[in-house]
């Protein structure tokens, strides 16, 4: 989980075991590699669960996001996101 100065957090789940490239307390920069993708947990294929959250009185609240100008709810199982090409079905 990464904390941002605007009081939000981003979460990255199913990373490669021991695949974190940063440690607690590190500062990170835009486009910096932070971890290696993997398939830890109850999964059979490498993938990433990514979320953005803000703290509220009742805990963390999910914030809708755009990923490479694609609304998160438009993404479906099997979509592949690439920085260069946008997304591929």
PDB file of N, CA and C in Angstrom:
ATOM      1  N   UNK A   1       0.852  -1.167   0.000  1.00  0.00           N
ATOM      2  CA  UNK A   1       0.000   0.000   0.000  1.00  0.00           C
ATOM      3  C   UNK A   1       0.899   1.231   0.000  1.00  0.00           C
ATOM      4  N   UNK A   2       0.523   2.222  -0.795  1.00  0.00           N
ATOM      5  CA  UNK A   2       1.311   3.453  -0.898  1.00  0.00           C
ATOM      6  C   UNK A   2       0.441   4.624  -0.458  1.00  0.00           C
ATOM      7  N   UNK A   3       1.005   5.476   0.389  1.00  0.00           N
ATOM      8  CA  UNK A   3       0.326   6.673   0.882  1.00  0.00           C
ATOM      9  C   UNK A   3       0.746   7.876   0.043  1.00  0.00           C
ATOM     10  N   UNK A   4      -0.218   8.739  -0.277  1.00  0.00           N
ATOM     11  CA  UNK A   4       0.036   9.954  -1.055  1.00  0.00           C
ATOM     12  C   UNK A   4      -0.269  11.190  -0.218  1.00  0.00           C
ATOM     13  N   UNK A   5       0.358  12.295  -0.568  1.00  0.00           N
ATOM     14  CA  UNK A   5       0.202  13.540   0.192  1.00  0.00           C
ATOM     15  C   UNK A   5      -1.226  14.072   0.193  1.00  0.00           C
ATOM     16  N   UNK A   6      -2.063  13.627  -0.756  1.00  0.00           N
ATOM     17  CA  UNK A   6      -3.464  14.069  -0.765  1.00  0.00           C
ATOM     18  C   UNK A   6      -4.325  13.219   0.163  1.00  0.00           C
ATOM     19  N   UNK A   7      -3.680  12.418   1.015  1.00  0.00           N
ATOM     20  CA  UNK A   7      -4.340  11.574   2.020  1.00  0.00           C
ATOM     21  C   UNK A   7      -5.096  10.400   1.395  1.00  0.00           C
ATOM     22  N   UNK A   8      -4.637   9.915   0.234  1.00  0.00           N
ATOM     23  CA  UNK A   8      -5.187   8.711  -0.367  1.00  0.00           C
ATOM     24  C   UNK A   8      -4.135   7.609  -0.327  1.00  0.00           C
ATOM     25  N   UNK A   9      -4.575   6.397  -0.593  1.00  0.00           N
ATOM     26  CA  UNK A   9      -3.708   5.222  -0.603  1.00  0.00           C
ATOM     27  C   UNK A   9      -3.965   4.443  -1.879  1.00  0.00           C
ATOM     28  N   UNK A  10      -2.934   3.806  -2.432  1.00  0.00           N
ATOM     29  CA  UNK A  10      -3.147   2.843  -3.508  1.00  0.00           C
ATOM     30  C   UNK A  10      -2.679   1.478  -2.999  1.00  0.00           C
ATOM     31  N   UNK A  11      -3.367   0.448  -3.440  1.00  0.00           N
ATOM     32  CA  UNK A  11      -3.087  -0.911  -2.973  1.00  0.00           C
ATOM     33  C   UNK A  11      -2.790  -1.808  -4.172  1.00  0.00           C
ATOM     34  N   UNK A  12      -1.761  -2.629  -4.029  1.00  0.00           N
ATOM     35  CA  UNK A  12      -1.325  -3.557  -5.071  1.00  0.00           C
ATOM     36  C   UNK A  12      -1.326  -4.957  -4.464  1.00  0.00           C
ATOM     37  N   UNK A  13      -2.104  -5.878  -5.043  1.00  0.00           N
ATOM     38  CA  UNK A  13      -2.293  -7.198  -4.445  1.00  0.00           C
ATOM     39  C   UNK A  13      -1.979  -8.282  -5.471  1.00  0.00           C
ATOM     40  N   UNK A  14      -1.460  -9.409  -5.019  1.00  0.00           N
ATOM     41  CA  UNK A  14      -1.047 -10.581  -5.797  1.00  0.00           C
ATOM     42  C   UNK A  14       0.323 -10.371  -6.429  1.00  0.00           C
ATOM     43  N   UNK A  15       1.192  -9.667  -5.719  1.00  0.00           N
ATOM     44  CA  UNK A  15       2.549  -9.448  -6.217  1.00  0.00           C
ATOM     45  C   UNK A  15       3.369 -10.719  -6.065  1.00  0.00           C
ATOM     46  N   UNK A  16       4.488 -10.761  -6.755  1.00  0.00           N
ATOM     47  CA  UNK A  16       5.408 -11.887  -6.621  1.00  0.00           C
ATOM     48  C   UNK A  16       5.915 -11.944  -5.181  1.00  0.00           C
ATOM     49  N   UNK A  17       6.011 -13.155  -4.630  1.00  0.00           N
ATOM     50  CA  UNK A  17       6.533 -13.292  -3.272  1.00  0.00           C
ATOM     51  C   UNK A  17       7.932 -12.689  -3.208  1.00  0.00           C
ATOM     52  N   UNK A  18       8.168 -11.847  -2.231  1.00  0.00           N
ATOM     53  CA  UNK A  18       9.425 -11.101  -2.063  1.00  0.00           C
ATOM     54  C   UNK A  18       9.702 -10.193  -3.258  1.00  0.00           C
ATOM     55  N   UNK A  19       8.659  -9.799  -3.986  1.00  0.00           N
ATOM     56  CA  UNK A  19       8.827  -9.000  -5.196  1.00  0.00           C
ATOM     57  C   UNK A  19       8.742  -7.496  -4.988  1.00  0.00           C
ATOM     58  N   UNK A  20       8.610  -7.054  -3.744  1.00  0.00           N
ATOM     59  CA  UNK A  20       8.570  -5.613  -3.500  1.00  0.00           C
ATOM     60  C   UNK A  20       9.941  -5.005  -3.776  1.00  0.00           C
ATOM     61  N   UNK A  21       9.964  -3.911  -4.507  1.00  0.00           N
ATOM     62  CA  UNK A  21      11.216  -3.228  -4.828  1.00  0.00           C
ATOM     63  C   UNK A  21      11.419  -1.988  -3.962  1.00  0.00           C
ATOM     64  N   UNK A  22      10.465  -1.732  -3.079  1.00  0.00           N
ATOM     65  CA  UNK A  22      10.558  -0.626  -2.128  1.00  0.00           C
ATOM     66  C   UNK A  22      10.250  -1.172  -0.741  1.00  0.00           C
ATOM     67  N   UNK A  23      10.600  -0.397   0.279  1.00  0.00           N
ATOM     68  CA  UNK A  23      10.303  -0.837   1.644  1.00  0.00           C
ATOM     69  C   UNK A  23       9.545   0.258   2.383  1.00  0.00           C
ATOM     70  N   UNK A  24       8.960  -0.079   3.504  1.00  0.00           N
ATOM     71  CA  UNK A  24       8.204   0.870   4.309  1.00  0.00           C
ATOM     72  C   UNK A  24       9.066   2.095   4.600  1.00  0.00           C
ATOM     73  N   UNK A  25       8.501   3.266   4.362  1.00  0.00           N
ATOM     74  CA  UNK A  25       9.200   4.517   4.614  1.00  0.00           C
ATOM     75  C   UNK A  25       9.898   5.105   3.406  1.00  0.00           C
ATOM     76  N   UNK A  26      10.065   4.326   2.332  1.00  0.00           N
ATOM     77  CA  UNK A  26      10.705   4.847   1.116  1.00  0.00           C
ATOM     78  C   UNK A  26       9.818   5.908   0.464  1.00  0.00           C
ATOM     79  N   UNK A  27      10.436   6.888  -0.159  1.00  0.00           N
ATOM     80  CA  UNK A  27       9.734   7.826  -1.032  1.00  0.00           C
ATOM     81  C   UNK A  27       9.841   7.272  -2.444  1.00  0.00           C
ATOM     82  N   UNK A  28       8.784   7.450  -3.223  1.00  0.00           N
ATOM     83  CA  UNK A  28       8.806   6.955  -4.603  1.00  0.00           C
ATOM     84  C   UNK A  28       8.521   8.093  -5.561  1.00  0.00           C
ATOM     85  N   UNK A  29       8.899   7.900  -6.822  1.00  0.00           N
ATOM     86  CA  UNK A  29       8.714   8.905  -7.868  1.00  0.00           C
ATOM     87  C   UNK A  29       7.800   8.339  -8.950  1.00  0.00           C
ATOM     88  N   UNK A  30       7.224   9.224  -9.742  1.00  0.00           N
ATOM     89  CA  UNK A  30       6.408   8.800 -10.882  1.00  0.00           C
ATOM     90  C   UNK A  30       7.231   7.894 -11.785  1.00  0.00           C
ATOM     91  N   UNK A  31       6.619   6.841 -12.279  1.00  0.00           N
ATOM     92  CA  UNK A  31       7.220   5.864 -13.199  1.00  0.00           C
ATOM     93  C   UNK A  31       8.287   4.976 -12.563  1.00  0.00           C
ATOM     94  N   UNK A  32       8.444   5.038 -11.260  1.00  0.00           N
ATOM     95  CA  UNK A  32       9.405   4.171 -10.575  1.00  0.00           C
ATOM     96  C   UNK A  32       8.802   2.772 -10.430  1.00  0.00           C
ATOM     97  N   UNK A  33       9.591   1.747 -10.691  1.00  0.00           N
ATOM     98  CA  UNK A  33       9.147   0.377 -10.455  1.00  0.00           C
ATOM     99  C   UNK A  33       9.054   0.163  -8.950  1.00  0.00           C
ATOM    100  N   UNK A  34       7.928  -0.396  -8.481  1.00  0.00           N
ATOM    101  CA  UNK A  34       7.742  -0.596  -7.049  1.00  0.00           C
ATOM    102  C   UNK A  34       7.641  -2.065  -6.665  1.00  0.00           C
ATOM    103  N   UNK A  35       7.299  -2.931  -7.632  1.00  0.00           N
ATOM    104  CA  UNK A  35       7.116  -4.343  -7.301  1.00  0.00           C
ATOM    105  C   UNK A  35       7.065  -5.171  -8.578  1.00  0.00           C
ATOM    106  N   UNK A  36       7.191  -6.491  -8.388  1.00  0.00           N
ATOM    107  CA  UNK A  36       7.096  -7.443  -9.493  1.00  0.00           C
ATOM    108  C   UNK A  36       5.754  -8.146  -9.432  1.00  0.00           C
ATOM    109  N   UNK A  37       5.088  -8.233 -10.568  1.00  0.00           N
ATOM    110  CA  UNK A  37       3.796  -8.900 -10.638  1.00  0.00           C
ATOM    111  C   UNK A  37       3.963 -10.391 -10.381  1.00  0.00           C
ATOM    112  N   UNK A  38       2.960 -10.984  -9.785  1.00  0.00           N
ATOM    113  CA  UNK A  38       3.022 -12.407  -9.500  1.00  0.00           C
ATOM    114  C   UNK A  38       1.638 -13.005  -9.419  1.00  0.00           C
ATOM    115  N   UNK A  39       1.535 -14.118  -8.707  1.00  0.00           N
ATOM    116  CA  UNK A  39       0.216 -14.719  -8.514  1.00  0.00           C
ATOM    117  C   UNK A  39       0.125 -15.389  -7.159  1.00  0.00           C
ATOM    118  N   UNK A  40       0.439 -14.605  -6.125  1.00  0.00           N
ATOM    119  CA  UNK A  40       0.304 -15.101  -4.758  1.00  0.00           C
ATOM    120  C   UNK A  40      -1.167 -15.109  -4.363  1.00  0.00           C
ATOM    121  N   UNK A  41      -1.499 -15.924  -3.388  1.00  0.00           N
ATOM    122  CA  UNK A  41      -2.879 -16.029  -2.930  1.00  0.00           C
ATOM    123  C   UNK A  41      -3.626 -17.086  -3.716  1.00  0.00           C
ATOM    124  N   UNK A  42      -4.936 -16.999  -3.679  1.00  0.00           N
ATOM    125  CA  UNK A  42      -5.793 -17.980  -4.344  1.00  0.00           C
ATOM    126  C   UNK A  42      -6.015 -17.589  -5.795  1.00  0.00           C
ATOM    127  N   UNK A  43      -5.014 -17.789  -6.618  1.00  0.00           N
ATOM    128  CA  UNK A  43      -5.114 -17.477  -8.044  1.00  0.00           C
ATOM    129  C   UNK A  43      -4.247 -18.450  -8.833  1.00  0.00           C
ATOM    130  N   UNK A  44      -4.552 -18.610 -10.094  1.00  0.00           N
ATOM    131  CA  UNK A  44      -3.790 -19.541 -10.926  1.00  0.00           C
ATOM    132  C   UNK A  44      -3.022 -18.844 -12.042  1.00  0.00           C
ATOM    133  N   UNK A  45      -3.258 -17.529 -12.188  1.00  0.00           N
ATOM    134  CA  UNK A  45      -2.552 -16.772 -13.226  1.00  0.00           C
ATOM    135  C   UNK A  45      -2.030 -15.468 -12.633  1.00  0.00           C
ATOM    136  N   UNK A  46      -0.908 -14.976 -13.148  1.00  0.00           N
ATOM    137  CA  UNK A  46      -0.411 -13.683 -12.667  1.00  0.00           C
ATOM    138  C   UNK A  46      -1.395 -12.565 -13.029  1.00  0.00           C
ATOM    139  N   UNK A  47      -1.690 -11.735 -12.077  1.00  0.00           N
ATOM    140  CA  UNK A  47      -2.536 -10.576 -12.316  1.00  0.00           C
ATOM    141  C   UNK A  47      -2.369  -9.604 -11.154  1.00  0.00           C
ATOM    142  N   UNK A  48      -2.934  -8.433 -11.280  1.00  0.00           N
ATOM    143  CA  UNK A  48      -2.819  -7.408 -10.261  1.00  0.00           C
ATOM    144  C   UNK A  48      -4.194  -6.914  -9.870  1.00  0.00           C
ATOM    145  N   UNK A  49      -4.449  -6.866  -8.572  1.00  0.00           N
ATOM    146  CA  UNK A  49      -5.609  -6.152  -8.050  1.00  0.00           C
ATOM    147  C   UNK A  49      -5.087  -4.796  -7.602  1.00  0.00           C
ATOM    148  N   UNK A  50      -5.656  -3.730  -8.146  1.00  0.00           N
ATOM    149  CA  UNK A  50      -5.212  -2.376  -7.844  1.00  0.00           C
ATOM    150  C   UNK A  50      -6.412  -1.566  -7.400  1.00  0.00           C
ATOM    151  N   UNK A  51      -6.245  -0.811  -6.342  1.00  0.00           N
ATOM    152  CA  UNK A  51      -7.319   0.042  -5.863  1.00  0.00           C
ATOM    153  C   UNK A  51      -6.767   1.323  -5.271  1.00  0.00           C
ATOM    154  N   UNK A  52      -7.611   2.357  -5.277  1.00  0.00           N
ATOM    155  CA  UNK A  52      -7.268   3.626  -4.645  1.00  0.00           C
ATOM    156  C   UNK A  52      -8.329   3.892  -3.593  1.00  0.00           C
ATOM    157  N   UNK A  53      -7.886   4.326  -2.425  1.00  0.00           N
ATOM    158  CA  UNK A  53      -8.771   4.497  -1.279  1.00  0.00           C
ATOM    159  C   UNK A  53      -8.501   5.808  -0.561  1.00  0.00           C
ATOM    160  N   UNK A  54      -9.552   6.309   0.116  1.00  0.00           N
ATOM    161  CA  UNK A  54      -9.372   7.454   1.004  1.00  0.00           C
ATOM    162  C   UNK A  54      -9.943   7.081   2.367  1.00  0.00           C
ATOM    163  N   UNK A  55      -9.308   7.569   3.440  1.00  0.00           N
ATOM    164  CA  UNK A  55      -9.812   7.264   4.774  1.00  0.00           C
ATOM    165  C   UNK A  55     -11.084   8.052   5.084  1.00  0.00           C
ATOM    166  N   UNK A  56     -12.020   7.391   5.754  1.00  0.00           N
ATOM    167  CA  UNK A  56     -13.240   8.033   6.237  1.00  0.00           C
ATOM    168  C   UNK A  56     -13.412   7.640   7.696  1.00  0.00           C
ATOM    169  N   UNK A  57     -14.432   8.161   8.327  1.00  0.00           N
ATOM    170  CA  UNK A  57     -14.705   7.796   9.724  1.00  0.00           C
ATOM    171  C   UNK A  57     -15.014   6.309   9.873  1.00  0.00           C
ATOM    172  N   UNK A  58     -15.488   5.672   8.797  1.00  0.00           N
ATOM    173  CA  UNK A  58     -15.867   4.252   8.841  1.00  0.00           C
ATOM    174  C   UNK A  58     -14.820   3.327   8.241  1.00  0.00           C
ATOM    175  N   UNK A  59     -13.634   3.827   7.946  1.00  0.00           N
ATOM    176  CA  UNK A  59     -12.586   3.009   7.334  1.00  0.00           C
ATOM    177  C   UNK A  59     -12.204   3.564   5.976  1.00  0.00           C
ATOM    178  N   UNK A  60     -11.625   2.721   5.134  1.00  0.00           N
ATOM    179  CA  UNK A  60     -11.205   3.172   3.806  1.00  0.00           C
ATOM    180  C   UNK A  60     -12.362   3.069   2.812  1.00  0.00           C
ATOM    181  N   UNK A  61     -12.510   4.110   1.988  1.00  0.00           N
ATOM    182  CA  UNK A  61     -13.534   4.134   0.951  1.00  0.00           C
ATOM    183  C   UNK A  61     -12.852   4.056  -0.410  1.00  0.00           C
ATOM    184  N   UNK A  62     -13.332   3.182  -1.281  1.00  0.00           N
ATOM    185  CA  UNK A  62     -12.766   3.015  -2.615  1.00  0.00           C
ATOM    186  C   UNK A  62     -13.077   4.238  -3.475  1.00  0.00           C
ATOM    187  N   UNK A  63     -12.086   4.662  -4.262  1.00  0.00           N
ATOM    188  CA  UNK A  63     -12.248   5.792  -5.176  1.00  0.00           C
ATOM    189  C   UNK A  63     -12.223   5.248  -6.608  1.00  0.00           C
ATOM    190  N   UNK A  64     -13.241   5.545  -7.432  1.00  0.00           N
ATOM    191  CA  UNK A  64     -13.207   5.120  -8.841  1.00  0.00           C
ATOM    192  C   UNK A  64     -12.006   5.745  -9.545  1.00  0.00           C
ATOM    193  N   UNK A  65     -11.415   5.003 -10.470  1.00  0.00           N
ATOM    194  CA  UNK A  65     -10.206   5.475 -11.135  1.00  0.00           C
ATOM    195  C   UNK A  65     -10.322   5.336 -12.650  1.00  0.00           C
ATOM    196  N   UNK A  66      -9.473   6.054 -13.367  1.00  0.00           N
ATOM    197  CA  UNK A  66      -9.256   5.855 -14.795  1.00  0.00           C
ATOM    198  C   UNK A  66      -7.867   5.260 -14.946  1.00  0.00           C
ATOM    199  N   UNK A  67      -7.730   4.209 -15.702  1.00  0.00           N
ATOM    200  CA  UNK A  67      -6.450   3.566 -15.936  1.00  0.00           C
ATOM    201  C   UNK A  67      -6.132   3.700 -17.416  1.00  0.00           C
ATOM    202  N   UNK A  68      -5.118   4.491 -17.756  1.00  0.00           N
ATOM    203  CA  UNK A  68      -4.810   4.776 -19.157  1.00  0.00           C
ATOM    204  C   UNK A  68      -6.060   5.226 -19.906  1.00  0.00           C
ATOM    205  N   UNK A  69      -6.837   6.099 -19.281  1.00  0.00           N
ATOM    206  CA  UNK A  69      -8.067   6.662 -19.844  1.00  0.00           C
ATOM    207  C   UNK A  69      -9.168   5.628 -20.058  1.00  0.00           C
ATOM    208  N   UNK A  70      -9.100   4.503 -19.358  1.00  0.00           N
ATOM    209  CA  UNK A  70     -10.141   3.474 -19.435  1.00  0.00           C
ATOM    210  C   UNK A  70     -10.827   3.425 -18.077  1.00  0.00           C
ATOM    211  N   UNK A  71     -12.133   3.592 -18.039  1.00  0.00           N
ATOM    212  CA  UNK A  71     -12.853   3.499 -16.774  1.00  0.00           C
ATOM    213  C   UNK A  71     -12.727   2.072 -16.238  1.00  0.00           C
ATOM    214  N   UNK A  72     -12.444   1.955 -14.935  1.00  0.00           N
ATOM    215  CA  UNK A  72     -12.226   0.643 -14.331  1.00  0.00           C
ATOM    216  C   UNK A  72     -13.386  -0.304 -14.598  1.00  0.00           C
ATOM    217  N   UNK A  73     -14.617   0.188 -14.583  1.00  0.00           N
ATOM    218  CA  UNK A  73     -15.750  -0.715 -14.791  1.00  0.00           C
ATOM    219  C   UNK A  73     -15.860  -1.210 -16.231  1.00  0.00           C
ATOM    220  N   UNK A  74     -15.100  -0.619 -17.171  1.00  0.00           N
ATOM    221  CA  UNK A  74     -15.088  -1.105 -18.555  1.00  0.00           C
ATOM    222  C   UNK A  74     -14.146  -2.293 -18.730  1.00  0.00           C
ATOM    223  N   UNK A  75     -13.254  -2.507 -17.770  1.00  0.00           N
ATOM    224  CA  UNK A  75     -12.301  -3.612 -17.885  1.00  0.00           C
ATOM    225  C   UNK A  75     -12.991  -4.927 -17.581  1.00  0.00           C
ATOM    226  N   UNK A  76     -12.650  -5.932 -18.330  1.00  0.00           N
ATOM    227  CA  UNK A  76     -13.230  -7.263 -18.156  1.00  0.00           C
ATOM    228  C   UNK A  76     -12.115  -8.284 -18.002  1.00  0.00           C
ATOM    229  N   UNK A  77     -12.461  -9.457 -17.471  1.00  0.00           N
ATOM    230  CA  UNK A  77     -11.494 -10.539 -17.328  1.00  0.00           C
ATOM    231  C   UNK A  77     -10.843 -10.827 -18.679  1.00  0.00           C
ATOM    232  N   UNK A  78      -9.534 -10.934 -18.681  1.00  0.00           N
ATOM    233  CA  UNK A  78      -8.805 -11.233 -19.900  1.00  0.00           C
ATOM    234  C   UNK A  78      -8.243 -10.005 -20.597  1.00  0.00           C
ATOM    235  N   UNK A  79      -8.693  -8.789 -20.205  1.00  0.00           N
ATOM    236  CA  UNK A  79      -8.107  -7.579 -20.788  1.00  0.00           C
ATOM    237  C   UNK A  79      -6.651  -7.480 -20.364  1.00  0.00           C
ATOM    238  N   UNK A  80      -5.814  -7.022 -21.256  1.00  0.00           N
ATOM    239  CA  UNK A  80      -4.400  -6.809 -20.963  1.00  0.00           C
ATOM    240  C   UNK A  80      -4.123  -5.327 -21.132  1.00  0.00           C
ATOM    241  N   UNK A  81      -3.551  -4.713 -20.117  1.00  0.00           N
ATOM    242  CA  UNK A  81      -3.241  -3.288 -20.156  1.00  0.00           C
ATOM    243  C   UNK A  81      -1.762  -3.137 -20.478  1.00  0.00           C
ATOM    244  N   UNK A  82      -1.453  -2.345 -21.464  1.00  0.00           N
ATOM    245  CA  UNK A  82      -0.055  -2.048 -21.779  1.00  0.00           C
ATOM    246  C   UNK A  82       0.091  -0.533 -21.860  1.00  0.00           C
ATOM    247  N   UNK A  83       1.197  -0.023 -21.367  1.00  0.00           N
ATOM    248  CA  UNK A  83       1.420   1.429 -21.372  1.00  0.00           C
ATOM    249  C   UNK A  83       1.476   1.964 -22.784  1.00  0.00           C
ATOM    250  N   UNK A  84       2.082   1.230 -23.688  1.00  0.00           N
ATOM    251  CA  UNK A  84       2.288   1.696 -25.053  1.00  0.00           C
ATOM    252  C   UNK A  84       1.002   1.630 -25.888  1.00  0.00           C
ATOM    253  N   UNK A  85       0.229   0.585 -25.758  1.00  0.00           N
ATOM    254  CA  UNK A  85      -0.887   0.338 -26.661  1.00  0.00           C
ATOM    255  C   UNK A  85      -2.266   0.624 -26.082  1.00  0.00           C
ATOM    256  N   UNK A  86      -2.360   1.069 -24.833  1.00  0.00           N
ATOM    257  CA  UNK A  86      -3.670   1.192 -24.226  1.00  0.00           C
ATOM    258  C   UNK A  86      -4.105  -0.165 -23.734  1.00  0.00           C
ATOM    259  N   UNK A  87      -5.311  -0.611 -24.083  1.00  0.00           N
ATOM    260  CA  UNK A  87      -5.692  -1.939 -23.633  1.00  0.00           C
ATOM    261  C   UNK A  87      -6.112  -2.829 -24.781  1.00  0.00           C
ATOM    262  N   UNK A  88      -5.844  -4.117 -24.622  1.00  0.00           N
ATOM    263  CA  UNK A  88      -6.063  -5.116 -25.660  1.00  0.00           C
ATOM    264  C   UNK A  88      -7.064  -6.127 -25.138  1.00  0.00           C
ATOM    265  N   UNK A  89      -8.034  -6.493 -25.928  1.00  0.00           N
ATOM    266  CA  UNK A  89      -8.998  -7.524 -25.509  1.00  0.00           C
ATOM    267  C   UNK A  89      -8.442  -8.891 -25.785  1.00  0.00           C
TER     268      UNK A  89
END
